[in-house]
């Protein structure tokens, strides 16, 4: 059950701060690959990837929670 709580917290935090995280990722990509400005389409893609990651974490948290509660009964 503890894993479900951790996944839920991580998913919620990632969902709230996904734009800032996407900016950081874009900055890291720029530094690593020596490219110029990151296109707007790529920024939106990074934000959507963050949204998908958040949904995956929240779904995993829900599944773990349901299984944990069902196994107690």
Protein backbone atom coordinates (compact mmCIF):
# COMPACT_ATOMS: atom_id res chain seq x y z
CA UNK A 1 0.00 0.00 0.00
CA UNK A 2 2.96 2.30 0.61
CA UNK A 3 3.97 2.05 -3.04
CA UNK A 4 0.52 3.24 -4.09
CA UNK A 5 0.88 6.34 -1.93
CA UNK A 6 4.34 7.09 -3.32
CA UNK A 7 3.15 6.63 -6.92
CA UNK A 8 0.11 8.84 -6.28
CA UNK A 9 2.24 11.61 -4.78
CA UNK A 10 4.80 11.41 -7.59
CA UNK A 11 2.08 11.43 -10.25
CA UNK A 12 0.33 14.41 -8.67
CA UNK A 13 3.54 16.42 -8.28
CA UNK A 14 4.59 15.62 -11.84
CA UNK A 15 1.13 16.66 -13.09
CA UNK A 16 1.27 19.98 -11.25
CA UNK A 17 4.83 20.87 -12.26
CA UNK A 18 4.93 19.30 -15.74
CA UNK A 19 5.54 22.60 -17.57
CA UNK A 20 8.54 23.44 -15.41
CA UNK A 21 9.84 19.91 -15.74
CA UNK A 22 9.43 20.11 -19.54
CA UNK A 23 11.41 23.38 -19.60
CA UNK A 24 14.20 21.75 -17.58
CA UNK A 25 14.23 18.76 -19.92
CA UNK A 26 14.41 21.07 -22.94
CA UNK A 27 17.30 22.97 -21.37
CA UNK A 28 19.16 19.71 -20.70
CA UNK A 29 18.57 18.56 -24.28
CA UNK A 30 19.88 21.89 -25.56
CA UNK A 31 23.05 21.63 -23.46
CA UNK A 32 23.70 17.95 -24.22
CA UNK A 33 23.17 18.12 -27.97
CA UNK A 34 24.38 21.69 -28.55
CA UNK A 35 21.26 22.76 -30.40
CA UNK A 36 19.70 26.20 -30.37
CA UNK A 37 16.21 27.05 -29.20
CA UNK A 38 13.81 24.15 -28.64
CA UNK A 39 10.83 24.35 -31.03
CA UNK A 40 7.40 24.98 -29.53
CA UNK A 41 6.12 21.66 -30.89
CA UNK A 42 8.83 19.78 -29.03
CA UNK A 43 7.97 21.64 -25.81
CA UNK A 44 4.32 20.64 -26.17
CA UNK A 45 5.44 17.08 -26.82
CA UNK A 46 7.52 17.05 -23.64
CA UNK A 47 4.53 18.42 -21.69
CA UNK A 48 2.26 15.72 -23.13
CA UNK A 49 4.83 13.07 -22.28
CA UNK A 50 4.82 14.38 -18.71
CA UNK A 51 1.02 14.20 -18.68
CA UNK A 52 1.13 10.58 -19.90
CA UNK A 53 3.73 9.73 -17.25
CA UNK A 54 1.51 11.29 -14.56
CA UNK A 55 -1.51 9.33 -15.74
CA UNK A 56 0.54 6.13 -15.78
CA UNK A 57 1.74 6.71 -12.21
CA UNK A 58 -1.76 7.55 -10.97
CA UNK A 59 -3.24 4.49 -12.71
CA UNK A 60 -0.54 2.27 -11.21
CA UNK A 61 -1.25 3.76 -7.79
CA UNK A 62 -4.95 3.03 -8.18
CA UNK A 63 -4.29 -0.53 -9.35
CA UNK A 64 -1.87 -1.22 -6.49
CA UNK A 65 -4.35 0.25 -4.00
CA UNK A 66 -7.23 -1.84 -5.30
CA UNK A 67 -5.17 -5.02 -5.26
CA UNK A 68 -3.91 -4.26 -1.74
CA UNK A 69 -7.42 -3.61 -0.46
CA UNK A 70 -8.82 -6.69 -2.21
CA UNK A 71 -6.12 -8.92 -0.75
CA UNK A 72 -7.01 -7.77 2.79
CA UNK A 73 -10.62 -8.85 2.40
